[in-house]
C-alpha cells in the first residue's frame, strides 16, 4: 500500500514540475529540462545549440529564478 502511495506522490510531483516548466520560455524550459532531467552539462547543451556556455548558464539561472517564484506563489495561494 505504501508503494502505491509513493508512486502517486511521485507522479503528482512530476506533473507539478512539468506544469511549472510550461510557465517558462521555450528556451528556458528546454535548457532546464536538458540540464536537470536529462543530466547534460551546460557545456554539452551549449555545444549542441552552437552557443556560448555562459548564455546557456544565464538562461538556466533565469529560468530557475522564475520557477522559484512560481512555486512561492503557489505555496502562498495554497496551490501545493
PDB file of N, CA and C in Angstrom:
ATOM      1  N   UNK A   1       0.825  -1.197   0.000  1.00  0.00           N
ATOM      2  CA  UNK A   1       0.000   0.000   0.000  1.00  0.00           C
ATOM      3  C   UNK A   1       0.862   1.251   0.000  1.00  0.00           C
ATOM      4  N   UNK A   2       1.947   1.239   0.775  1.00  0.00           N
ATOM      5  CA  UNK A   2       2.834   2.400   0.829  1.00  0.00           C
ATOM      6  C   UNK A   2       3.444   2.658  -0.541  1.00  0.00           C
ATOM      7  N   UNK A   3       3.803   1.594  -1.242  1.00  0.00           N
ATOM      8  CA  UNK A   3       4.417   1.744  -2.560  1.00  0.00           C
ATOM      9  C   UNK A   3       3.482   2.478  -3.521  1.00  0.00           C
ATOM     10  N   UNK A   4       2.204   2.149  -3.508  1.00  0.00           N
ATOM     11  CA  UNK A   4       1.239   2.823  -4.383  1.00  0.00           C
ATOM     12  C   UNK A   4       1.120   4.301  -4.016  1.00  0.00           C
ATOM     13  N   UNK A   5       1.128   4.597  -2.727  1.00  0.00           N
ATOM     14  CA  UNK A   5       1.063   5.985  -2.287  1.00  0.00           C
ATOM     15  C   UNK A   5       2.297   6.750  -2.735  1.00  0.00           C
ATOM     16  N   UNK A   6       3.462   6.127  -2.609  1.00  0.00           N
ATOM     17  CA  UNK A   6       4.707   6.763  -3.043  1.00  0.00           C
ATOM     18  C   UNK A   6       4.691   7.001  -4.551  1.00  0.00           C
ATOM     19  N   UNK A   7       4.183   6.039  -5.294  1.00  0.00           N
ATOM     20  CA  UNK A   7       4.091   6.197  -6.745  1.00  0.00           C
ATOM     21  C   UNK A   7       3.152   7.342  -7.101  1.00  0.00           C
ATOM     22  N   UNK A   8       2.048   7.444  -6.392  1.00  0.00           N
ATOM     23  CA  UNK A   8       1.090   8.513  -6.651  1.00  0.00           C
ATOM     24  C   UNK A   8       1.702   9.873  -6.315  1.00  0.00           C
ATOM     25  N   UNK A   9       2.432   9.946  -5.204  1.00  0.00           N
ATOM     26  CA  UNK A   9       3.088  11.203  -4.823  1.00  0.00           C
ATOM     27  C   UNK A   9       4.138  11.591  -5.853  1.00  0.00           C
ATOM     28  N   UNK A  10       4.897  10.616  -6.304  1.00  0.00           N
ATOM     29  CA  UNK A  10       5.936  10.878  -7.316  1.00  0.00           C
ATOM     30  C   UNK A  10       5.302  11.365  -8.619  1.00  0.00           C
ATOM     31  N   UNK A  11       4.226  10.724  -9.028  1.00  0.00           N
ATOM     32  CA  UNK A  11       3.540  11.131 -10.257  1.00  0.00           C
ATOM     33  C   UNK A  11       3.015  12.557 -10.137  1.00  0.00           C
ATOM     34  N   UNK A  12       2.502  12.912  -8.981  1.00  0.00           N
ATOM     35  CA  UNK A  12       1.994  14.263  -8.763  1.00  0.00           C
ATOM     36  C   UNK A  12       3.133  15.283  -8.792  1.00  0.00           C
ATOM     37  N   UNK A  13       4.247  14.937  -8.187  1.00  0.00           N
ATOM     38  CA  UNK A  13       5.403  15.828  -8.198  1.00  0.00           C
ATOM     39  C   UNK A  13       5.900  16.049  -9.627  1.00  0.00           C
ATOM     40  N   UNK A  14       5.982  14.987 -10.398  1.00  0.00           N
ATOM     41  CA  UNK A  14       6.416  15.098 -11.788  1.00  0.00           C
ATOM     42  C   UNK A  14       5.444  15.974 -12.572  1.00  0.00           C
ATOM     43  N   UNK A  15       4.161  15.795 -12.340  1.00  0.00           N
ATOM     44  CA  UNK A  15       3.156  16.625 -13.017  1.00  0.00           C
ATOM     45  C   UNK A  15       3.369  18.092 -12.682  1.00  0.00           C
ATOM     46  N   UNK A  16       3.626  18.384 -11.395  1.00  0.00           N
ATOM     47  CA  UNK A  16       3.842  19.766 -10.970  1.00  0.00           C
ATOM     48  C   UNK A  16       5.097  20.360 -11.597  1.00  0.00           C
ATOM     49  N   UNK A  17       6.142  19.576 -11.711  1.00  0.00           N
ATOM     50  CA  UNK A  17       7.379  20.063 -12.329  1.00  0.00           C
ATOM     51  C   UNK A  17       7.130  20.429 -13.785  1.00  0.00           C
ATOM     52  N   UNK A  18       6.458  19.563 -14.508  1.00  0.00           N
ATOM     53  CA  UNK A  18       6.192  19.864 -15.921  1.00  0.00           C
ATOM     54  C   UNK A  18       5.207  21.018 -16.072  1.00  0.00           C
ATOM     55  N   UNK A  19       4.282  21.145 -15.162  1.00  0.00           N
ATOM     56  CA  UNK A  19       3.369  22.297 -15.167  1.00  0.00           C
ATOM     57  C   UNK A  19       4.168  23.579 -14.972  1.00  0.00           C
ATOM     58  N   UNK A  20       5.111  23.554 -14.043  1.00  0.00           N
ATOM     59  CA  UNK A  20       5.958  24.723 -13.786  1.00  0.00           C
ATOM     60  C   UNK A  20       6.845  25.017 -14.988  1.00  0.00           C
ATOM     61  N   UNK A  21       7.421  23.996 -15.594  1.00  0.00           N
ATOM     62  CA  UNK A  21       8.264  24.211 -16.774  1.00  0.00           C
ATOM     63  C   UNK A  21       7.472  24.877 -17.901  1.00  0.00           C
ATOM     64  N   UNK A  22       6.197  24.585 -17.980  1.00  0.00           N
ATOM     65  CA  UNK A  22       5.355  25.169 -19.032  1.00  0.00           C
ATOM     66  C   UNK A  22       5.178  26.677 -18.860  1.00  0.00           C
ATOM     67  N   UNK A  23       5.502  27.206 -17.687  1.00  0.00           N
ATOM     68  CA  UNK A  23       5.372  28.652 -17.462  1.00  0.00           C
ATOM     69  C   UNK A  23       6.616  29.411 -17.937  1.00  0.00           C
ATOM     70  N   UNK A  24       7.674  28.697 -18.283  1.00  0.00           N
ATOM     71  CA  UNK A  24       8.912  29.323 -18.727  1.00  0.00           C
ATOM     72  C   UNK A  24       8.874  29.582 -20.229  1.00  0.00           C
ATOM     73  N   UNK A  25       9.862  30.342 -20.698  1.00  0.00           N
ATOM     74  CA  UNK A  25      10.004  30.474 -22.143  1.00  0.00           C
ATOM     75  C   UNK A  25      10.400  29.109 -22.691  1.00  0.00           C
ATOM     76  N   UNK A  26      10.116  28.858 -23.955  1.00  0.00           N
ATOM     77  CA  UNK A  26      10.514  27.564 -24.520  1.00  0.00           C
ATOM     78  C   UNK A  26      12.019  27.300 -24.390  1.00  0.00           C
ATOM     79  N   UNK A  27      12.840  28.326 -24.553  1.00  0.00           N
ATOM     80  CA  UNK A  27      14.284  28.165 -24.439  1.00  0.00           C
ATOM     81  C   UNK A  27      14.686  27.801 -23.013  1.00  0.00           C
ATOM     82  N   UNK A  28      14.124  28.490 -22.032  1.00  0.00           N
ATOM     83  CA  UNK A  28      14.416  28.169 -20.628  1.00  0.00           C
ATOM     84  C   UNK A  28      13.967  26.758 -20.297  1.00  0.00           C
ATOM     85  N   UNK A  29      12.768  26.412 -20.699  1.00  0.00           N
ATOM     86  CA  UNK A  29      12.234  25.073 -20.397  1.00  0.00           C
ATOM     87  C   UNK A  29      13.103  23.994 -21.026  1.00  0.00           C
ATOM     88  N   UNK A  30      13.485  24.181 -22.282  1.00  0.00           N
ATOM     89  CA  UNK A  30      14.297  23.184 -22.971  1.00  0.00           C
ATOM     90  C   UNK A  30      15.656  23.017 -22.296  1.00  0.00           C
ATOM     91  N   UNK A  31      16.276  24.140 -21.946  1.00  0.00           N
ATOM     92  CA  UNK A  31      17.599  24.065 -21.332  1.00  0.00           C
ATOM     93  C   UNK A  31      17.550  23.500 -19.914  1.00  0.00           C
ATOM     94  N   UNK A  32      16.548  23.861 -19.144  1.00  0.00           N
ATOM     95  CA  UNK A  32      16.419  23.311 -17.793  1.00  0.00           C
ATOM     96  C   UNK A  32      16.116  21.812 -17.866  1.00  0.00           C
ATOM     97  N   UNK A  33      15.274  21.422 -18.791  1.00  0.00           N
ATOM     98  CA  UNK A  33      14.983  20.001 -18.989  1.00  0.00           C
ATOM     99  C   UNK A  33      16.265  19.251 -19.335  1.00  0.00           C
ATOM    100  N   UNK A  34      17.031  19.793 -20.263  1.00  0.00           N
ATOM    101  CA  UNK A  34      18.279  19.144 -20.669  1.00  0.00           C
ATOM    102  C   UNK A  34      19.254  19.050 -19.500  1.00  0.00           C
ATOM    103  N   UNK A  35      19.341  20.104 -18.705  1.00  0.00           N
ATOM    104  CA  UNK A  35      20.316  20.143 -17.607  1.00  0.00           C
ATOM    105  C   UNK A  35      19.919  19.230 -16.453  1.00  0.00           C
ATOM    106  N   UNK A  36      18.678  19.357 -15.987  1.00  0.00           N
ATOM    107  CA  UNK A  36      18.296  18.686 -14.738  1.00  0.00           C
ATOM    108  C   UNK A  36      17.531  17.379 -14.921  1.00  0.00           C
ATOM    109  N   UNK A  37      16.886  17.204 -16.046  1.00  0.00           N
ATOM    110  CA  UNK A  37      16.150  15.955 -16.244  1.00  0.00           C
ATOM    111  C   UNK A  37      16.976  14.977 -17.080  1.00  0.00           C
ATOM    112  N   UNK A  38      17.620  15.490 -18.131  1.00  0.00           N
ATOM    113  CA  UNK A  38      18.470  14.629 -18.951  1.00  0.00           C
ATOM    114  C   UNK A  38      19.884  14.514 -18.390  1.00  0.00           C
ATOM    115  N   UNK A  39      20.252  15.454 -17.501  1.00  0.00           N
ATOM    116  CA  UNK A  39      21.553  15.387 -16.846  1.00  0.00           C
ATOM    117  C   UNK A  39      22.728  15.874 -17.672  1.00  0.00           C
ATOM    118  N   UNK A  40      22.456  16.661 -18.712  1.00  0.00           N
ATOM    119  CA  UNK A  40      23.541  17.191 -19.537  1.00  0.00           C
ATOM    120  C   UNK A  40      24.249  18.333 -18.821  1.00  0.00           C
ATOM    121  N   UNK A  41      25.510  18.508 -19.126  1.00  0.00           N
ATOM    122  CA  UNK A  41      26.278  19.621 -18.581  1.00  0.00           C
ATOM    123  C   UNK A  41      26.008  20.867 -19.422  1.00  0.00           C
ATOM    124  N   UNK A  42      26.205  22.039 -18.820  1.00  0.00           N
ATOM    125  CA  UNK A  42      25.971  23.296 -19.523  1.00  0.00           C
ATOM    126  C   UNK A  42      26.769  23.329 -20.826  1.00  0.00           C
ATOM    127  N   UNK A  43      28.020  22.921 -20.768  1.00  0.00           N
ATOM    128  CA  UNK A  43      28.849  22.977 -21.985  1.00  0.00           C
ATOM    129  C   UNK A  43      28.344  22.008 -23.057  1.00  0.00           C
ATOM    130  N   UNK A  44      27.722  20.909 -22.646  1.00  0.00           N
ATOM    131  CA  UNK A  44      27.151  19.979 -23.625  1.00  0.00           C
ATOM    132  C   UNK A  44      25.937  20.602 -24.310  1.00  0.00           C
ATOM    133  N   UNK A  45      25.105  21.254 -23.535  1.00  0.00           N
ATOM    134  CA  UNK A  45      23.924  21.923 -24.099  1.00  0.00           C
ATOM    135  C   UNK A  45      24.380  23.014 -25.063  1.00  0.00           C
ATOM    136  N   UNK A  46      25.372  23.789 -24.644  1.00  0.00           N
ATOM    137  CA  UNK A  46      25.890  24.874 -25.485  1.00  0.00           C
ATOM    138  C   UNK A  46      26.449  24.331 -26.792  1.00  0.00           C
ATOM    139  N   UNK A  47      27.180  23.234 -26.715  1.00  0.00           N
ATOM    140  CA  UNK A  47      27.760  22.639 -27.926  1.00  0.00           C
ATOM    141  C   UNK A  47      26.665  22.165 -28.876  1.00  0.00           C
ATOM    142  N   UNK A  48      25.617  21.554 -28.341  1.00  0.00           N
ATOM    143  CA  UNK A  48      24.509  21.074 -29.179  1.00  0.00           C
ATOM    144  C   UNK A  48      23.801  22.239 -29.867  1.00  0.00           C
ATOM    145  N   UNK A  49      23.703  23.366 -29.157  1.00  0.00           N
ATOM    146  CA  UNK A  49      22.989  24.520 -29.698  1.00  0.00           C
ATOM    147  C   UNK A  49      23.895  25.478 -30.456  1.00  0.00           C
ATOM    148  N   UNK A  50      25.200  25.273 -30.352  1.00  0.00           N
ATOM    149  CA  UNK A  50      26.138  26.143 -31.044  1.00  0.00           C
ATOM    150  C   UNK A  50      26.217  27.537 -30.444  1.00  0.00           C
ATOM    151  N   UNK A  51      26.095  27.611 -29.108  1.00  0.00           N
ATOM    152  CA  UNK A  51      26.159  28.907 -28.425  1.00  0.00           C
ATOM    153  C   UNK A  51      27.199  28.846 -27.314  1.00  0.00           C
ATOM    154  N   UNK A  52      27.497  30.003 -26.757  1.00  0.00           N
ATOM    155  CA  UNK A  52      28.442  30.123 -25.660  1.00  0.00           C
ATOM    156  C   UNK A  52      27.843  29.513 -24.391  1.00  0.00           C
ATOM    157  N   UNK A  53      28.606  28.730 -23.650  1.00  0.00           N
ATOM    158  CA  UNK A  53      28.096  28.150 -22.400  1.00  0.00           C
ATOM    159  C   UNK A  53      27.576  29.200 -21.407  1.00  0.00           C
ATOM    160  N   UNK A  54      28.167  30.394 -21.415  1.00  0.00           N
ATOM    161  CA  UNK A  54      27.696  31.443 -20.498  1.00  0.00           C
ATOM    162  C   UNK A  54      26.249  31.817 -20.796  1.00  0.00           C
ATOM    163  N   UNK A  55      25.878  31.829 -22.061  1.00  0.00           N
ATOM    164  CA  UNK A  55      24.479  32.146 -22.415  1.00  0.00           C
ATOM    165  C   UNK A  55      23.532  31.075 -21.907  1.00  0.00           C
ATOM    166  N   UNK A  56      23.945  29.826 -22.032  1.00  0.00           N
ATOM    167  CA  UNK A  56      23.118  28.716 -21.542  1.00  0.00           C
ATOM    168  C   UNK A  56      22.971  28.828 -20.028  1.00  0.00           C
ATOM    169  N   UNK A  57      24.070  29.072 -19.350  1.00  0.00           N
ATOM    170  CA  UNK A  57      24.047  29.187 -17.895  1.00  0.00           C
ATOM    171  C   UNK A  57      23.138  30.331 -17.443  1.00  0.00           C
ATOM    172  N   UNK A  58      23.262  31.477 -18.085  1.00  0.00           N
ATOM    173  CA  UNK A  58      22.406  32.628 -17.734  1.00  0.00           C
ATOM    174  C   UNK A  58      20.936  32.306 -17.950  1.00  0.00           C
ATOM    175  N   UNK A  59      20.646  31.638 -19.043  1.00  0.00           N
ATOM    176  CA  UNK A  59      19.265  31.262 -19.354  1.00  0.00           C
ATOM    177  C   UNK A  59      18.718  30.309 -18.292  1.00  0.00           C
ATOM    178  N   UNK A  60      19.503  29.325 -17.910  1.00  0.00           N
ATOM    179  CA  UNK A  60      19.073  28.362 -16.894  1.00  0.00           C
ATOM    180  C   UNK A  60      18.853  29.072 -15.563  1.00  0.00           C
ATOM    181  N   UNK A  61      19.775  29.948 -15.183  1.00  0.00           N
ATOM    182  CA  UNK A  61      19.632  30.674 -13.913  1.00  0.00           C
ATOM    183  C   UNK A  61      18.364  31.523 -13.917  1.00  0.00           C
ATOM    184  N   UNK A  62      18.089  32.193 -15.024  1.00  0.00           N
ATOM    185  CA  UNK A  62      16.853  32.974 -15.133  1.00  0.00           C
ATOM    186  C   UNK A  62      15.616  32.089 -15.020  1.00  0.00           C
ATOM    187  N   UNK A  63      15.664  30.939 -15.645  1.00  0.00           N
ATOM    188  CA  UNK A  63      14.543  30.003 -15.562  1.00  0.00           C
ATOM    189  C   UNK A  63      14.342  29.477 -14.157  1.00  0.00           C
ATOM    190  N   UNK A  64      15.441  29.200 -13.461  1.00  0.00           N
ATOM    191  CA  UNK A  64      15.331  28.723 -12.077  1.00  0.00           C
ATOM    192  C   UNK A  64      14.736  29.800 -11.171  1.00  0.00           C
ATOM    193  N   UNK A  65      15.112  31.062 -11.411  1.00  0.00           N
ATOM    194  CA  UNK A  65      14.501  32.155 -10.626  1.00  0.00           C
ATOM    195  C   UNK A  65      12.996  32.199 -10.857  1.00  0.00           C
ATOM    196  N   UNK A  66      12.597  32.049 -12.118  1.00  0.00           N
ATOM    197  CA  UNK A  66      11.158  32.056 -12.429  1.00  0.00           C
ATOM    198  C   UNK A  66      10.446  30.870 -11.789  1.00  0.00           C
ATOM    199  N   UNK A  67      11.092  29.711 -11.783  1.00  0.00           N
ATOM    200  CA  UNK A  67      10.488  28.533 -11.153  1.00  0.00           C
ATOM    201  C   UNK A  67      10.327  28.734  -9.649  1.00  0.00           C
ATOM    202  N   UNK A  68      11.354  29.325  -9.008  1.00  0.00           N
ATOM    203  CA  UNK A  68      11.252  29.609  -7.567  1.00  0.00           C
ATOM    204  C   UNK A  68      10.057  30.503  -7.282  1.00  0.00           C
ATOM    205  N   UNK A  69       9.919  31.565  -8.073  1.00  0.00           N
ATOM    206  CA  UNK A  69       8.789  32.486  -7.888  1.00  0.00           C
ATOM    207  C   UNK A  69       7.466  31.768  -8.117  1.00  0.00           C
ATOM    208  N   UNK A  70       7.423  30.916  -9.121  1.00  0.00           N
ATOM    209  CA  UNK A  70       6.209  30.166  -9.425  1.00  0.00           C
ATOM    210  C   UNK A  70       5.794  29.318  -8.218  1.00  0.00           C
ATOM    211  N   UNK A  71       6.748  28.570  -7.659  1.00  0.00           N
ATOM    212  CA  UNK A  71       6.418  27.702  -6.529  1.00  0.00           C
ATOM    213  C   UNK A  71       6.136  28.507  -5.259  1.00  0.00           C
ATOM    214  N   UNK A  72       6.789  29.637  -5.078  1.00  0.00           N
ATOM    215  CA  UNK A  72       6.486  30.501  -3.937  1.00  0.00           C
ATOM    216  C   UNK A  72       5.053  31.021  -4.023  1.00  0.00           C
ATOM    217  N   UNK A  73       4.652  31.451  -5.211  1.00  0.00           N
ATOM    218  CA  UNK A  73       3.265  31.940  -5.403  1.00  0.00           C
ATOM    219  C   UNK A  73       2.263  30.825  -5.128  1.00  0.00           C
ATOM    220  N   UNK A  74       2.547  29.635  -5.639  1.00  0.00           N
ATOM    221  CA  UNK A  74       1.632  28.507  -5.419  1.00  0.00           C
ATOM    222  C   UNK A  74       1.515  28.167  -3.956  1.00  0.00           C
ATOM    223  N   UNK A  75       2.637  28.226  -3.248  1.00  0.00           N
ATOM    224  CA  UNK A  75       2.635  27.910  -1.815  1.00  0.00           C
ATOM    225  C   UNK A  75       1.793  28.935  -1.051  1.00  0.00           C
ATOM    226  N   UNK A  76       1.960  30.212  -1.399  1.00  0.00           N
ATOM    227  CA  UNK A  76       1.195  31.281  -0.711  1.00  0.00           C
ATOM    228  C   UNK A  76      -0.290  31.180  -1.014  1.00  0.00           C
ATOM    229  N   UNK A  77      -0.643  30.739  -2.207  1.00  0.00           N
ATOM    230  CA  UNK A  77      -2.045  30.674  -2.575  1.00  0.00           C
ATOM    231  C   UNK A  77      -2.665  29.308  -2.306  1.00  0.00           C
ATOM    232  N   UNK A  78      -1.881  28.425  -1.682  1.00  0.00           N
ATOM    233  CA  UNK A  78      -2.418  27.103  -1.331  1.00  0.00           C
ATOM    234  C   UNK A  78      -2.453  26.133  -2.491  1.00  0.00           C
ATOM    235  N   UNK A  79      -1.682  26.430  -3.538  1.00  0.00           N
ATOM    236  CA  UNK A  79      -1.679  25.563  -4.715  1.00  0.00           C
ATOM    237  C   UNK A  79      -0.841  24.300  -4.560  1.00  0.00           C
ATOM    238  N   UNK A  80      -0.097  24.191  -3.492  1.00  0.00           N
ATOM    239  CA  UNK A  80       0.728  22.993  -3.311  1.00  0.00           C
ATOM    240  C   UNK A  80       0.184  22.127  -2.206  1.00  0.00           C
TER     241      UNK A  80
END
